[in-house]
């Protein structure tokens, strides 16, 4: 009986651990440089557009640094789509060096 309970507990822990690992594997964070933002309204517009995009879990946009840090579900969204969303706000994604 004790062996069954131990096996059940171990199995449950493994299933829960795999569930957490799987959920975390779908979340990515990317930093994208954005040109043209001059004030808090600018960064607010980009933040609003990103957060309205399905798959974006969080977006922190800083006009002073000229960057957007985006946490997203890579099963629902690509980095290319995030760049499209930012460009759609009227601001321009800065080209990465080497492109």
Protein backbone atom coordinates (compact mmCIF):
# COMPACT_ATOMS: atom_id res chain seq x y z
CA UNK A 1 0.00 0.00 0.00
CA UNK A 2 2.80 2.38 0.90
CA UNK A 3 4.47 1.62 -2.42
CA UNK A 4 1.30 2.54 -4.33
CA UNK A 5 0.98 5.84 -2.52
CA UNK A 6 4.63 6.64 -3.16
CA UNK A 7 4.25 5.82 -6.86
CA UNK A 8 1.12 7.96 -7.07
CA UNK A 9 2.85 10.93 -5.41
CA UNK A 10 5.94 10.61 -7.61
CA UNK A 11 3.79 10.33 -10.74
CA UNK A 12 1.76 13.38 -9.75
CA UNK A 13 4.87 15.44 -9.15
CA UNK A 14 6.31 14.43 -12.52
CA UNK A 15 3.09 15.33 -14.34
CA UNK A 16 2.92 18.72 -12.63
CA UNK A 17 6.59 19.40 -13.35
CA UNK A 18 6.20 18.54 -17.02
CA UNK A 19 3.15 20.79 -17.23
CA UNK A 20 5.08 23.74 -15.82
CA UNK A 21 8.08 23.11 -18.09
CA UNK A 22 5.83 22.81 -21.14
CA UNK A 23 3.97 26.03 -20.33
CA UNK A 24 7.22 27.92 -19.79
CA UNK A 25 8.69 26.63 -23.05
CA UNK A 26 6.05 28.53 -25.04
CA UNK A 27 6.89 31.91 -23.52
CA UNK A 28 9.67 33.98 -25.07
CA UNK A 29 10.97 37.43 -24.31
CA UNK A 30 12.43 39.68 -27.00
CA UNK A 31 13.83 43.20 -26.97
CA UNK A 32 13.13 45.20 -30.12
CA UNK A 33 14.68 48.59 -30.85
CA UNK A 34 12.12 51.21 -31.92
CA UNK A 35 12.98 54.48 -33.68
CA UNK A 36 10.95 57.67 -33.48
CA UNK A 37 9.49 57.57 -29.97
CA UNK A 38 9.91 60.96 -28.28
CA UNK A 39 7.58 60.88 -25.27
CA UNK A 40 5.45 58.74 -22.95
CA UNK A 41 2.48 59.02 -25.34
CA UNK A 42 4.62 57.46 -28.06
CA UNK A 43 5.64 54.51 -25.93
CA UNK A 44 2.05 54.24 -24.67
CA UNK A 45 0.74 53.86 -28.22
CA UNK A 46 3.22 51.07 -28.95
CA UNK A 47 2.46 49.36 -25.64
CA UNK A 48 -1.29 49.50 -26.29
CA UNK A 49 -0.92 48.00 -29.77
CA UNK A 50 1.34 45.21 -28.54
CA UNK A 51 -0.88 44.30 -25.58
CA UNK A 52 -3.89 44.16 -27.89
CA UNK A 53 -2.11 41.54 -30.00
CA UNK A 54 -3.16 37.95 -29.32
CA UNK A 55 -0.26 36.03 -27.81
CA UNK A 56 1.43 39.00 -26.13
CA UNK A 57 1.61 38.36 -22.40
CA UNK A 58 3.36 41.59 -21.45
CA UNK A 59 4.96 44.58 -23.15
CA UNK A 60 7.17 47.21 -21.57
CA UNK A 61 8.04 50.05 -23.97
CA UNK A 62 10.51 52.77 -23.02
CA UNK A 63 10.78 55.85 -25.24
CA UNK A 64 13.99 57.00 -23.52
CA UNK A 65 15.80 53.74 -24.30
CA UNK A 66 14.02 53.36 -27.62
CA UNK A 67 13.08 49.77 -27.00
CA UNK A 68 10.21 47.40 -26.43
CA UNK A 69 10.62 44.35 -24.20
CA UNK A 70 7.91 41.89 -25.10
CA UNK A 71 6.95 38.62 -23.44
CA UNK A 72 4.90 36.47 -25.81
CA UNK A 73 3.63 32.98 -26.57
CA UNK A 74 5.75 31.73 -29.45
CA UNK A 75 3.08 29.18 -30.35
CA UNK A 76 0.65 31.99 -31.21
CA UNK A 77 2.96 34.73 -32.44
CA UNK A 78 6.30 35.32 -34.16
CA UNK A 79 8.89 38.00 -33.66
CA UNK A 80 8.26 39.12 -37.25
CA UNK A 81 4.58 39.72 -36.39
CA UNK A 82 5.61 41.78 -33.35
CA UNK A 83 7.77 43.93 -35.62
CA UNK A 84 4.79 44.39 -37.98
CA UNK A 85 2.60 45.51 -35.07
CA UNK A 86 5.19 48.09 -33.98
CA UNK A 87 5.66 49.38 -37.54
CA UNK A 88 1.85 49.63 -37.79
CA UNK A 89 1.82 52.21 -34.98
CA UNK A 90 3.74 54.69 -37.11
CA UNK A 91 7.06 54.06 -35.40
CA UNK A 92 9.82 52.10 -37.06
CA UNK A 93 11.55 49.00 -35.85
CA UNK A 94 15.28 49.68 -35.96
CA UNK A 95 17.23 47.35 -38.22
CA UNK A 96 19.49 44.99 -36.34
CA UNK A 97 23.17 45.21 -37.10
CA UNK A 98 24.10 42.74 -39.80
CA UNK A 99 20.77 43.01 -41.64
